[in-house]
Amino acid sequence: MADVRLVDVKKAFGAVEVLKGVDLEIADGEFVVFVGPSGCGKSTLLRTIAGLEEATTGEVSIGGRVVNDLSPSDRGIAMVFQSYALYPHMTAYENMAFGLKLAKTDKAEIDRRVRAAAEALSITDYLDRKPKAMSGGQRQRVAIGRAIVREPEVFLFDEPLSNLDAALRVRMRYEFARLHGELKTTMIYVTHDQVEAMTLADRIVVLNGGRIEQVGAPMELYERPANLFVAGFIGSPKMNLLAVEVVEASATGATVRTANGETLKAAVDASNARPGDRATLGIRPEHLSLTGEGEPIQAEVMFVETLGAAVMAHLRHPASTETLTVQAAGDVRVQTGQSLALRVPPTQAHLFDAEGRAFSRL
């Protein structure tokens, strides 16, 4: 096992700079997930750690040694891609053993590693099958097993579940979590699916435009996003955002007003804000309520999703460029066209300045 350290890592393809100075430390045995929108640089960053892309500038260290000049095979890493990349003419056993055979590993040792990996992944019964006789989930397990048998210091996963259906992705998330618990090896995982990130990660790295926006534990990012980008990206459904103007501000809270005159409060340290400042108030869908504490805002229901255990109501409000979302209990009944008074609890409200930076919540 090994830690991973990146110091001012930049990567450019010609005149296009994809990574713009990434500093990051990943502890030995940690499960870290890179998330962000398409084109944010998360896969490029993973490939740079792997050695599949050469850092333009900066330093990449694995296990305390600088690896910039080392080939992928000498970095002590194993990588699993979105594509299974299995040899179709080989059995699962042969696919998993192939790399070890090329390395001239002893046959008995190969057999021990392959069977141990197969048992950990629950694919012992499929070792004699070829890829065409296996399901997508079984093929992905074989691809992971092929990485495990190398006994790497660091596992790198590049959107490994993207080709699987929704139900199988849920199952495989559990498998990844269980595998990390057993192996206790450093794992770096790239995904565009924030549900995967929230359920798997010890820490999440949110990337945007080749830069790190925030690093933290899943609930830290959910409850205390550093800026508007993280607030809008982490959470499903996403955070509701309202354009507001600061009316009163202090270290113990802020009072803000929407363009249509509704006054709301946020329990944040707004000592740096001034009356008249433009700001954005954020509230999670599950924290908007029809009853309870907080000042109300009036919004019109545009669409209702009845999901059984929950109801998702999508509403229009003049202070938001997008529809607001309210997550309510399944027995709540609302209708399209209905006007609702939604309560915004001050303790659950987030406030962001005109530059998109979050005021600290109290």
Foldseek 3Di string as FASTA:
>chain_A
DKKKWWFQFWDADVVRTQAGTEGDIGGFLFEEEEAEDPSLCPVVVLCCLLQVGQTPDTFIDIRRHTCNPPHNVPRLEFEQELDLPFDQVAFLLCRLLVVVVVVVHDPVLSVVLLCVLCVLLVNNVRRRPGPVPDDPLSSLSSSVSSRVSVVGQEYEYEANCPVDDPVSVVVVLVSLQSVSVVSSHHYYYYDNDLVSRLSRGCKYFYGGSNYTQDIDHLVCLQQPPFFDVSQQRHDVVGKFKFKWFWADAAQQWTWTAHPVGFIWIARFGRHVDDGGFIKMKIAHQAQKDLDDDAGWDKWFFADWDQDPQWIWTWTDDPRGPGTDIHIGGNVDDDDHGDITTIGHHNQRMWMAGPVGGTGGHD
